[in-house]
């Protein structure tokens, strides 16, 4: 599956199949949340949250690709990511784009 953030793929004619998306809501356990809270006092990267968001993006992308595969897509164009805080220490990540088939 080809994923691009442009609305075209060089050298390919595309047939649009529709919007596809994948999402997940992730959180860290309370112990990690507390240690990351202390980290904000001294500054620096919150590695546990960076890891959480990387995992969430990967899972959201996987779910988007699964939805595109169900439509018989060859690629997803205009791939975008969005995130939102659901509650303290939990975030939703959504991946979305347009599923296309090569003509």
C-alpha atoms as a PDB file:
ATOM      1  CA  UNK A   1       0.000   0.000   0.000  1.00  0.00           C
ATOM      2  CA  UNK A   2       1.392   3.379  -1.009  1.00  0.00           C
ATOM      3  CA  UNK A   3       0.752   6.243   1.444  1.00  0.00           C
ATOM      4  CA  UNK A   4       1.447   9.829   0.402  1.00  0.00           C
ATOM      5  CA  UNK A   5       0.547  13.251   1.737  1.00  0.00           C
ATOM      6  CA  UNK A   6       0.073  14.672  -1.773  1.00  0.00           C
ATOM      7  CA  UNK A   7      -3.145  14.494  -3.782  1.00  0.00           C
ATOM      8  CA  UNK A   8      -1.456  12.648  -6.659  1.00  0.00           C
ATOM      9  CA  UNK A   9       1.128   9.947  -7.363  1.00  0.00           C
ATOM     10  CA  UNK A  10       3.556  10.809 -10.140  1.00  0.00           C
ATOM     11  CA  UNK A  11       2.874   8.794 -13.291  1.00  0.00           C
ATOM     12  CA  UNK A  12      -0.376   7.237 -12.034  1.00  0.00           C
ATOM     13  CA  UNK A  13      -3.991   7.928 -12.988  1.00  0.00           C
ATOM     14  CA  UNK A  14      -6.146   7.592  -9.890  1.00  0.00           C
ATOM     15  CA  UNK A  15      -9.737   6.533  -9.332  1.00  0.00           C
ATOM     16  CA  UNK A  16     -10.993   7.847  -5.989  1.00  0.00           C
ATOM     17  CA  UNK A  17     -12.713   5.260  -3.811  1.00  0.00           C
ATOM     18  CA  UNK A  18     -13.517   7.369  -0.760  1.00  0.00           C
ATOM     19  CA  UNK A  19     -12.383   8.609   2.614  1.00  0.00           C
ATOM     20  CA  UNK A  20     -10.633   6.115   4.874  1.00  0.00           C
ATOM     21  CA  UNK A  21      -9.613   6.589   8.472  1.00  0.00           C
ATOM     22  CA  UNK A  22      -8.162   4.858  11.453  1.00  0.00           C
ATOM     23  CA  UNK A  23      -8.064   5.998  15.047  1.00  0.00           C
ATOM     24  CA  UNK A  24      -7.064   4.967  18.524  1.00  0.00           C
ATOM     25  CA  UNK A  25      -7.150   6.404  22.024  1.00  0.00           C
ATOM     26  CA  UNK A  26      -4.051   5.698  24.072  1.00  0.00           C
ATOM     27  CA  UNK A  27      -3.082   6.358  27.676  1.00  0.00           C
ATOM     28  CA  UNK A  28      -0.159   5.612  29.959  1.00  0.00           C
ATOM     29  CA  UNK A  29      -0.528   3.888  33.291  1.00  0.00           C
ATOM     30  CA  UNK A  30      -0.799   6.010  36.427  1.00  0.00           C
ATOM     31  CA  UNK A  31       2.810   5.321  37.478  1.00  0.00           C
ATOM     32  CA  UNK A  32       4.171   6.574  34.163  1.00  0.00           C
ATOM     33  CA  UNK A  33       1.801   9.540  34.279  1.00  0.00           C
ATOM     34  CA  UNK A  34       3.153  10.583  37.682  1.00  0.00           C
ATOM     35  CA  UNK A  35       6.814  10.240  36.645  1.00  0.00           C
ATOM     36  CA  UNK A  36       6.165  12.228  33.469  1.00  0.00           C
ATOM     37  CA  UNK A  37       4.452  14.890  35.593  1.00  0.00           C
ATOM     38  CA  UNK A  38       7.644  15.268  37.644  1.00  0.00           C
ATOM     39  CA  UNK A  39       9.646  15.563  34.424  1.00  0.00           C
ATOM     40  CA  UNK A  40       7.693  18.708  33.529  1.00  0.00           C
ATOM     41  CA  UNK A  41       9.240  20.399  36.582  1.00  0.00           C
ATOM     42  CA  UNK A  42      12.775  20.139  35.188  1.00  0.00           C
ATOM     43  CA  UNK A  43      12.012  20.210  31.471  1.00  0.00           C
ATOM     44  CA  UNK A  44      13.055  17.956  28.622  1.00  0.00           C
ATOM     45  CA  UNK A  45      11.422  15.359  26.448  1.00  0.00           C
ATOM     46  CA  UNK A  46       8.615  13.298  27.908  1.00  0.00           C
ATOM     47  CA  UNK A  47       9.841  10.035  26.393  1.00  0.00           C
ATOM     48  CA  UNK A  48       6.962   7.887  27.640  1.00  0.00           C
ATOM     49  CA  UNK A  49       4.477  10.204  25.933  1.00  0.00           C
ATOM     50  CA  UNK A  50       6.566  10.391  22.767  1.00  0.00           C
ATOM     51  CA  UNK A  51       6.536   6.594  22.642  1.00  0.00           C
ATOM     52  CA  UNK A  52       2.792   6.516  23.344  1.00  0.00           C
ATOM     53  CA  UNK A  53       2.067   8.937  20.489  1.00  0.00           C
ATOM     54  CA  UNK A  54       4.361   7.060  18.063  1.00  0.00           C
ATOM     55  CA  UNK A  55       2.548   3.819  18.898  1.00  0.00           C
ATOM     56  CA  UNK A  56      -0.816   5.534  18.497  1.00  0.00           C
ATOM     57  CA  UNK A  57       0.115   6.958  15.066  1.00  0.00           C
ATOM     58  CA  UNK A  58       1.323   3.537  13.919  1.00  0.00           C
ATOM     59  CA  UNK A  59      -1.906   1.853  15.050  1.00  0.00           C
ATOM     60  CA  UNK A  60      -4.125   4.560  13.517  1.00  0.00           C
ATOM     61  CA  UNK A  61      -2.208   4.226  10.228  1.00  0.00           C
ATOM     62  CA  UNK A  62      -2.578   0.431  10.289  1.00  0.00           C
ATOM     63  CA  UNK A  63      -6.339   0.746  10.801  1.00  0.00           C
ATOM     64  CA  UNK A  64      -6.614   3.284   7.972  1.00  0.00           C
ATOM     65  CA  UNK A  65      -4.721   0.936   5.625  1.00  0.00           C
ATOM     66  CA  UNK A  66      -6.998  -1.981   6.622  1.00  0.00           C
ATOM     67  CA  UNK A  67     -10.038   0.135   5.709  1.00  0.00           C
ATOM     68  CA  UNK A  68      -8.432   1.061   2.363  1.00  0.00           C
ATOM     69  CA  UNK A  69      -7.668  -2.607   1.644  1.00  0.00           C
ATOM     70  CA  UNK A  70     -11.347  -3.467   2.163  1.00  0.00           C
ATOM     71  CA  UNK A  71     -12.169  -0.997  -0.630  1.00  0.00           C
ATOM     72  CA  UNK A  72      -9.591  -2.597  -2.940  1.00  0.00           C
ATOM     73  CA  UNK A  73      -7.313   0.448  -2.857  1.00  0.00           C
ATOM     74  CA  UNK A  74      -3.792   0.545  -4.224  1.00  0.00           C
ATOM     75  CA  UNK A  75      -2.853   3.679  -2.281  1.00  0.00           C
ATOM     76  CA  UNK A  76      -4.043   6.359   0.106  1.00  0.00           C
ATOM     77  CA  UNK A  77      -3.405   9.950  -0.941  1.00  0.00           C
ATOM     78  CA  UNK A  78      -3.642  13.160   1.081  1.00  0.00           C
ATOM     79  CA  UNK A  79      -2.787  11.292   4.297  1.00  0.00           C
ATOM     80  CA  UNK A  80      -3.197  13.488   7.354  1.00  0.00           C
ATOM     81  CA  UNK A  81      -2.955  13.008  11.107  1.00  0.00           C
ATOM     82  CA  UNK A  82      -4.919  14.702  13.860  1.00  0.00           C
ATOM     83  CA  UNK A  83      -4.701  14.352  17.607  1.00  0.00           C
ATOM     84  CA  UNK A  84      -6.766  15.519  20.518  1.00  0.00           C
ATOM     85  CA  UNK A  85      -6.615  15.182  24.267  1.00  0.00           C
ATOM     86  CA  UNK A  86      -9.477  13.041  25.513  1.00  0.00           C
ATOM     87  CA  UNK A  87      -8.612  13.393  29.211  1.00  0.00           C
ATOM     88  CA  UNK A  88      -5.522  13.910  31.351  1.00  0.00           C
ATOM     89  CA  UNK A  89      -2.883  11.481  30.083  1.00  0.00           C
ATOM     90  CA  UNK A  90      -4.978  10.097  27.203  1.00  0.00           C
ATOM     91  CA  UNK A  91      -4.977  11.173  23.576  1.00  0.00           C
ATOM     92  CA  UNK A  92      -6.813  10.231  20.409  1.00  0.00           C
ATOM     93  CA  UNK A  93      -4.853   9.982  17.185  1.00  0.00           C
ATOM     94  CA  UNK A  94      -6.626   9.788  13.840  1.00  0.00           C
ATOM     95  CA  UNK A  95      -5.098   9.038  10.444  1.00  0.00           C
ATOM     96  CA  UNK A  96      -7.196   9.793   7.375  1.00  0.00           C
ATOM     97  CA  UNK A  97      -6.913  10.152   3.635  1.00  0.00           C
ATOM     98  CA  UNK A  98      -8.476   9.265   0.296  1.00  0.00           C
ATOM     99  CA  UNK A  99      -8.318   5.661  -0.866  1.00  0.00           C
ATOM    100  CA  UNK A 100      -7.510   5.359  -4.580  1.00  0.00           C
ATOM    101  CA  UNK A 101      -7.141   2.648  -7.187  1.00  0.00           C
ATOM    102  CA  UNK A 102      -4.703   2.883 -10.110  1.00  0.00           C
ATOM    103  CA  UNK A 103      -6.439   3.064 -13.492  1.00  0.00           C
END
